[in-house]
Amino acid sequence: MTPKSPYSALLGRIPVTKHSVSIGGSRTTWWEYGTPSDQPTLVLVHGFRGDHHGLEPVVAHLPGFHMISPDLPGFGESEPLRLSHHDIDGYAGWLHRFVDALELDTPPVLLGHSFGSIIVSAALARTTLTTPQVVLVNPIAAPALAGPRGILTRLAVLYYKMGAILPERLGFGLLRNRIIVRIMSITMAKTRSTSLRRWIHSEHDRYFSAFSDRSVVLEAFTASVSSDVSEFATSIDARTLLIAADRDDITPVSAQHALVDLFPDATLEVLSDVGHLIHYELPAQAASLIKQFLVPGRQPGERPAGKAAAGESPADADSDEIAR
């Protein structure tokens, strides 16, 4: 039995519409949450091997905002890129064309999680895409191959290469192996809530293998470990919010502090006792920081009287939702 999302009730209050658009001859499928209003429109870019479902817990905590969340080309319900490889330049160019195709009245706020943080940053640095504000959740702040888990990253490189060169049936079987997916999920999840961990594993079982073919996933993985946000930060003039985690196995906090100093105008918020799955484990805290960042007159970290700081679990709305 599939565990029920602890955020389903909140998400159910937000209207959602499914759309698709042709970008460079391939179909991009995207979901629209909410309707245009006086609040900013956000375009959300998910991480590697996921799809739009991964950011829905954050969406659930942002009622009143207009949000657009596509599946990356080659993942979920979006077709692979036809005019370029699934590398950083390919995805950056796609994001630029996708936002143009939306024909919004004003440039949207761009939000990227993990690999999505690299794509958003590259698109702003290497194309003419513009945005008033940027939000990067679990940003990839330093090269994965040079990080504290560089050896594990190299093993992952070997894993994806084997998945690509083996005969098709064996390759797909390796890349979609449920045991390996579960090991990845267990490694990333830091929550002590049994029910939340069960749901996170279920989400990865359902959506972590929704890629179109082996070449796409290998190209995208290679891109995800070959670049990082620090390459593009100095070229991003828009106000930027970095939401990082103190237990992130992919990027250490020290690298996040170094990254924020590279941006012309950026703020770093570090959430406590969470790793690379902020969007699953602490979406209410992430959404609160996002709202404070986007709403004029309030800054990240500024809270109404009586509210707990980010990382203080006793008063965290997420803890109330999943404590059972």
Protein backbone atom coordinates (compact mmCIF):
# COMPACT_ATOMS: atom_id res chain seq x y z
CA MET A 1 0.00 0.00 0.00
CA THR A 2 1.39 3.39 -1.02
CA PRO A 3 1.83 5.70 2.00
CA LYS A 4 -0.25 8.87 1.89
CA SER A 5 1.62 12.13 1.53
CA PRO A 6 1.68 14.08 4.80
CA TYR A 7 1.19 17.20 2.69
CA SER A 8 -1.75 15.99 0.55
CA ALA A 9 -4.41 17.96 2.43
CA LEU A 10 -2.54 21.23 1.93
CA LEU A 11 -1.77 20.46 -1.71
CA GLY A 12 -5.40 19.55 -2.35
CA ARG A 13 -6.44 23.13 -1.58
CA ILE A 14 -4.37 24.50 -4.46
CA PRO A 15 -5.84 24.25 -7.98
CA VAL A 16 -3.58 22.42 -10.44
CA THR A 17 -3.72 22.19 -14.23
CA LYS A 18 -1.57 20.03 -16.50
CA HIS A 19 -0.15 21.55 -19.70
CA SER A 20 2.35 20.73 -22.42
CA VAL A 21 4.35 22.81 -24.87
CA SER A 22 6.74 22.03 -27.71
CA ILE A 23 10.28 23.25 -27.02
CA GLY A 24 12.71 22.67 -29.87
CA GLY A 25 10.61 19.87 -31.33
CA SER A 26 10.11 17.93 -28.10
CA ARG A 27 7.22 18.06 -25.67
CA THR A 28 7.70 19.55 -22.23
CA THR A 29 4.93 18.69 -19.78
CA TRP A 30 4.31 21.12 -16.96
CA TRP A 31 1.92 21.72 -14.10
CA GLU A 32 0.37 25.03 -13.09
CA TYR A 33 -0.46 25.49 -9.41
CA GLY A 34 -2.70 28.36 -8.37
CA THR A 35 -3.60 31.24 -10.65
CA PRO A 36 -1.89 34.54 -11.55
CA SER A 37 -2.23 37.07 -8.75
CA ASP A 38 -0.45 40.05 -7.25
CA GLN A 39 2.11 37.59 -5.83
CA PRO A 40 5.13 36.65 -7.98
CA THR A 41 4.95 33.74 -10.40
CA LEU A 42 7.52 31.03 -9.67
CA VAL A 43 9.02 28.59 -12.16
CA LEU A 44 10.30 25.50 -10.32
CA VAL A 45 13.12 23.28 -11.59
CA HIS A 46 13.45 19.89 -9.90
CA GLY A 47 16.57 17.81 -9.30
CA PHE A 48 18.27 14.87 -10.99
CA ARG A 49 16.20 11.71 -11.61
CA GLY A 50 13.10 13.29 -10.11
CA ASP A 51 10.13 15.02 -11.67
CA HIS A 52 7.68 17.76 -10.67
CA HIS A 53 6.25 15.66 -7.83
CA GLY A 54 9.38 16.23 -5.75
CA LEU A 55 8.68 19.93 -5.23
CA GLU A 56 4.97 19.52 -4.50
CA PRO A 57 5.47 19.58 -0.70
CA VAL A 58 6.94 23.08 -1.04
CA VAL A 59 4.14 24.04 -3.44
CA ALA A 60 1.63 22.85 -0.83
CA HIS A 61 2.97 25.43 1.61
CA LEU A 62 2.80 28.35 -0.84
CA PRO A 63 -0.94 28.98 -1.31
CA GLY A 64 -1.69 32.24 -3.08
CA PHE A 65 1.36 32.03 -5.32
CA HIS A 66 1.23 31.17 -9.01
CA MET A 67 3.67 28.31 -9.64
CA ILE A 68 4.77 26.53 -12.79
CA SER A 69 6.59 23.21 -12.44
CA PRO A 70 7.82 21.31 -15.52
CA ASP A 71 9.31 17.86 -15.77
CA LEU A 72 12.88 18.22 -17.03
CA PRO A 73 13.38 16.97 -20.61
CA GLY A 74 13.90 13.22 -20.58
CA PHE A 75 12.31 12.78 -17.14
CA GLY A 76 8.77 12.28 -15.93
CA GLU A 77 6.35 13.02 -18.77
CA SER A 78 8.63 15.32 -20.77
CA GLU A 79 10.30 14.09 -23.94
CA PRO A 80 14.10 14.17 -24.35
CA LEU A 81 15.81 17.14 -25.95
CA ARG A 82 16.12 16.80 -29.71
CA LEU A 83 18.35 19.76 -30.55
CA SER A 84 21.05 19.32 -27.91
CA HIS A 85 22.58 16.96 -25.39
CA HIS A 86 21.25 16.66 -21.87
CA ASP A 87 24.15 18.66 -20.50
CA ILE A 88 24.27 21.99 -18.68
CA ASP A 89 24.09 24.09 -21.84
CA GLY A 90 21.29 21.94 -23.21
CA TYR A 91 19.17 22.26 -20.08
CA ALA A 92 19.99 25.97 -19.67
CA GLY A 93 18.88 26.66 -23.23
CA TRP A 94 15.73 24.60 -22.69
CA LEU A 95 14.82 26.57 -19.54
CA HIS A 96 15.27 29.86 -21.39
CA ARG A 97 13.00 28.71 -24.22
CA PHE A 98 10.47 27.23 -21.80
CA VAL A 99 10.08 30.49 -19.87
CA ASP A 100 9.76 32.39 -23.15
CA ALA A 101 7.04 29.97 -24.28
CA LEU A 102 5.00 30.70 -21.14
CA GLU A 103 4.51 34.30 -22.39
CA LEU A 104 4.18 35.67 -18.87
CA ASP A 105 3.50 39.36 -18.37
CA THR A 106 6.57 39.75 -16.14
CA PRO A 107 9.70 37.62 -15.66
CA PRO A 108 9.09 34.88 -13.08
CA VAL A 109 11.05 34.08 -9.96
CA LEU A 110 13.21 31.03 -10.66
CA LEU A 111 13.55 28.25 -8.07
CA GLY A 112 15.90 25.31 -8.50
CA HIS A 113 16.50 22.32 -6.27
CA SER A 114 19.81 20.38 -6.35
CA PHE A 115 20.60 19.73 -10.05
CA GLY A 116 17.89 22.30 -10.77
CA SER A 117 20.01 24.88 -8.93
CA ILE A 118 22.78 24.35 -11.50
CA ILE A 119 20.34 24.58 -14.42
CA VAL A 120 18.77 27.80 -13.14
CA SER A 121 22.18 29.36 -12.46
CA ALA A 122 23.58 28.36 -15.85
CA ALA A 123 20.52 29.68 -17.67
CA LEU A 124 20.86 33.06 -15.97
CA ALA A 125 24.62 33.22 -16.63
CA ARG A 126 24.75 31.82 -20.18
CA THR A 127 21.48 32.94 -21.80
CA THR A 128 19.43 36.13 -21.90
CA LEU A 129 16.93 34.72 -19.40
CA THR A 130 16.09 37.28 -16.73
CA THR A 131 14.45 37.08 -13.32
CA PRO A 132 13.85 39.50 -10.45
CA GLN A 133 14.75 36.93 -7.79
CA VAL A 134 16.30 33.48 -7.50
CA VAL A 135 15.73 30.74 -4.91
CA LEU A 136 18.15 27.79 -4.76
CA VAL A 137 17.24 24.90 -2.45
CA ASN A 138 20.02 22.44 -1.56
CA PRO A 139 22.24 24.23 -4.09
CA ILE A 140 25.17 22.28 -5.49
CA ALA A 141 27.83 24.66 -4.21
CA ALA A 142 31.01 22.77 -5.12
CA PRO A 143 32.15 20.05 -7.55
CA ALA A 144 30.71 16.71 -6.44
CA LEU A 145 33.82 14.84 -7.57
CA ALA A 146 35.98 16.99 -5.31
CA GLY A 147 33.70 16.92 -2.29
CA PRO A 148 33.91 14.87 0.92
CA ARG A 149 31.98 12.07 -0.80
CA GLY A 150 34.03 12.16 -3.99
CA ILE A 151 34.73 8.42 -3.83
CA LEU A 152 31.02 7.63 -3.64
CA THR A 153 30.41 10.01 -6.54
CA ARG A 154 32.97 8.13 -8.64
CA LEU A 155 31.24 4.87 -7.81
CA ALA A 156 28.00 6.45 -8.94
CA VAL A 157 29.69 7.48 -12.22
CA LEU A 158 30.69 3.84 -12.75
CA TYR A 159 27.13 2.73 -11.94
CA TYR A 160 25.59 5.01 -14.57
CA LYS A 161 28.21 4.10 -17.16
CA MET A 162 27.52 0.40 -16.60
CA GLY A 163 23.82 1.08 -16.96
CA ALA A 164 24.49 2.71 -20.32
CA ILE A 165 26.85 0.12 -21.83
CA LEU A 166 25.17 -3.11 -20.72
CA PRO A 167 22.62 -4.72 -23.05
CA GLU A 168 19.40 -2.71 -22.93
CA ARG A 169 17.40 -5.02 -20.67
CA LEU A 170 20.24 -5.45 -18.19
CA GLY A 171 21.11 -1.74 -18.30
CA PHE A 172 17.57 -0.63 -17.57
CA GLY A 173 17.33 -3.24 -14.85
CA LEU A 174 20.46 -1.90 -13.17
CA LEU A 175 19.44 1.77 -13.40
CA ARG A 176 15.95 1.05 -12.09
CA ASN A 177 16.98 -1.52 -9.50
CA ARG A 178 14.72 -0.97 -6.49
CA ILE A 179 17.39 -2.01 -4.00
CA ILE A 180 19.85 0.58 -5.32
CA VAL A 181 17.13 3.24 -5.40
CA ARG A 182 16.25 2.39 -1.80
CA ILE A 183 19.89 2.67 -0.72
CA MET A 184 20.04 6.13 -2.31
CA SER A 185 16.84 7.12 -0.52
CA ILE A 186 17.98 5.82 2.86
CA THR A 187 21.29 7.67 2.50
CA MET A 188 19.62 11.01 1.75
CA ALA A 189 16.79 10.90 4.29
CA LYS A 190 17.69 12.31 7.71
CA THR A 191 14.29 12.58 9.39
CA ARG A 192 13.65 10.55 12.53
CA SER A 193 9.97 10.21 11.67
CA THR A 194 9.26 6.62 10.62
CA SER A 195 6.12 7.59 8.70
CA LEU A 196 7.88 10.38 6.82
CA ARG A 197 10.81 8.13 5.90
CA ARG A 198 8.36 5.50 4.63
CA TRP A 199 6.67 8.09 2.43
CA ILE A 200 9.99 9.46 1.11
CA HIS A 201 11.10 5.96 0.11
CA SER A 202 7.75 5.44 -1.60
CA GLU A 203 8.18 8.67 -3.57
CA HIS A 204 11.61 7.59 -4.75
CA ASP A 205 10.26 4.15 -5.69
CA ARG A 206 7.51 5.77 -7.76
CA TYR A 207 9.33 8.63 -9.47
CA PHE A 208 13.10 8.14 -9.27
CA SER A 209 13.22 5.88 -12.31
CA ALA A 210 10.90 7.86 -14.60
CA PHE A 211 13.51 8.67 -17.23
CA SER A 212 13.04 8.14 -20.95
CA ASP A 213 16.18 6.18 -21.80
CA ARG A 214 19.66 5.27 -20.59
CA SER A 215 21.55 7.89 -22.57
CA VAL A 216 19.46 10.69 -21.07
CA VAL A 217 20.08 9.64 -17.49
CA LEU A 218 23.82 9.18 -18.11
CA GLU A 219 24.15 12.58 -19.82
CA ALA A 220 22.17 14.29 -17.06
CA PHE A 221 24.13 12.58 -14.30
CA THR A 222 27.43 13.54 -15.93
CA ALA A 223 26.22 17.13 -16.09
CA SER A 224 25.13 17.06 -12.45
CA VAL A 225 28.57 16.02 -11.18
CA SER A 226 30.64 18.03 -13.65
CA SER A 227 29.30 21.50 -12.84
CA ASP A 228 28.15 23.45 -9.82
CA VAL A 229 26.55 26.78 -8.98
CA SER A 230 29.85 28.44 -8.06
CA GLU A 231 30.76 28.54 -11.77
CA PHE A 232 27.88 30.91 -12.48
CA ALA A 233 27.28 32.82 -9.25
CA THR A 234 29.29 35.95 -10.05
CA SER A 235 27.23 36.48 -13.23
CA ILE A 236 23.85 36.43 -11.45
CA ASP A 237 22.78 39.94 -10.51
CA ALA A 238 19.28 39.08 -9.27
CA ARG A 239 18.60 38.90 -5.53
CA THR A 240 19.25 35.32 -4.52
CA LEU A 241 18.20 33.16 -1.59
CA LEU A 242 20.16 30.00 -0.83
CA ILE A 243 18.40 27.45 1.39
CA ALA A 244 20.94 24.88 2.51
CA ALA A 245 21.08 22.01 5.01
CA ASP A 246 23.54 21.27 7.77
CA ARG A 247 23.57 17.52 7.03
CA ASP A 248 23.69 17.59 3.24
CA ASP A 249 25.90 14.71 2.05
CA ILE A 250 26.40 16.27 -1.38
CA THR A 251 27.52 19.78 -0.45
CA PRO A 252 29.03 20.64 2.96
CA VAL A 253 27.89 23.78 4.76
CA SER A 254 31.35 25.31 4.42
CA ALA A 255 30.92 25.27 0.64
CA GLN A 256 27.54 27.00 0.97
CA HIS A 257 29.14 29.82 2.97
CA ALA A 258 31.79 30.17 0.28
CA LEU A 259 29.13 30.13 -2.44
CA VAL A 260 26.98 32.90 -0.99
CA ASP A 261 29.95 35.27 -1.04
CA LEU A 262 30.31 34.80 -4.80
CA PHE A 263 26.89 36.26 -5.59
CA PRO A 264 26.56 40.04 -5.97
CA ASP A 265 23.39 39.97 -3.82
CA ALA A 266 22.61 36.76 -1.94
CA THR A 267 21.46 35.51 1.45
CA LEU A 268 22.13 32.07 2.92
CA GLU A 269 19.75 30.27 5.27
CA VAL A 270 20.88 26.93 6.74
CA LEU A 271 18.22 24.55 8.06
CA SER A 272 19.14 22.26 10.91
CA ASP A 273 18.98 18.46 11.19
CA VAL A 274 18.14 17.90 7.53
CA GLY A 275 20.11 16.76 4.49
CA HIS A 276 19.58 16.89 0.73
CA LEU A 277 15.81 16.43 0.99
CA ILE A 278 14.71 19.81 2.36
CA HIS A 279 11.78 19.72 -0.07
CA TYR A 280 10.50 16.48 1.48
CA GLU A 281 11.46 16.87 5.13
CA LEU A 282 11.10 20.59 5.89
CA PRO A 283 8.94 22.10 3.13
CA ALA A 284 7.06 24.39 5.54
CA GLN A 285 10.30 25.97 6.73
CA ALA A 286 11.58 26.30 3.17
CA ALA A 287 8.30 27.86 2.05
CA SER A 288 8.36 30.29 4.97
CA LEU A 289 11.83 31.48 3.97
CA ILE A 290 10.71 31.80 0.36
CA LYS A 291 7.68 33.89 1.30
CA GLN A 292 9.76 36.15 3.53
CA PHE A 293 12.22 36.58 0.68
CA LEU A 294 9.61 37.38 -1.96
CA VAL A 295 7.23 39.57 0.02
CA PRO A 296 8.49 43.20 0.11
CA GLY A 297 9.42 44.55 3.50
CA ARG A 298 10.44 41.22 5.03
CA GLN A 299 13.79 39.52 4.89
CA PRO A 300 14.72 35.83 5.19
CA GLY A 301 14.98 34.87 8.84
CA GLU A 302 12.55 37.58 10.00
CA ARG A 303 9.67 35.91 11.84
CA PRO A 304 6.49 37.05 13.54
CA ALA A 305 6.63 37.11 17.30
CA GLY A 306 6.29 33.68 18.83
CA LYS A 307 7.36 31.78 15.72
CA ALA A 308 10.23 29.30 15.89
CA ALA A 309 13.39 29.79 13.91
CA ALA A 310 14.17 27.58 10.94
CA GLY A 311 15.46 24.30 12.27
CA GLU A 312 13.60 24.49 15.62
CA SER A 313 11.44 21.41 15.25
CA PRO A 314 9.11 21.77 18.28
CA ALA A 315 7.13 24.55 16.64
CA ASP A 316 7.61 23.44 13.05
CA ALA A 317 4.37 22.87 11.14
CA ASP A 318 5.89 19.88 9.37
CA SER A 319 6.46 18.13 12.67
CA ASP A 320 2.79 18.58 13.54
CA GLU A 321 1.69 17.11 10.21
CA ILE A 322 3.83 13.98 10.31
CA ALA A 323 3.92 13.15 14.03
CA ARG A 324 1.82 10.02 14.18
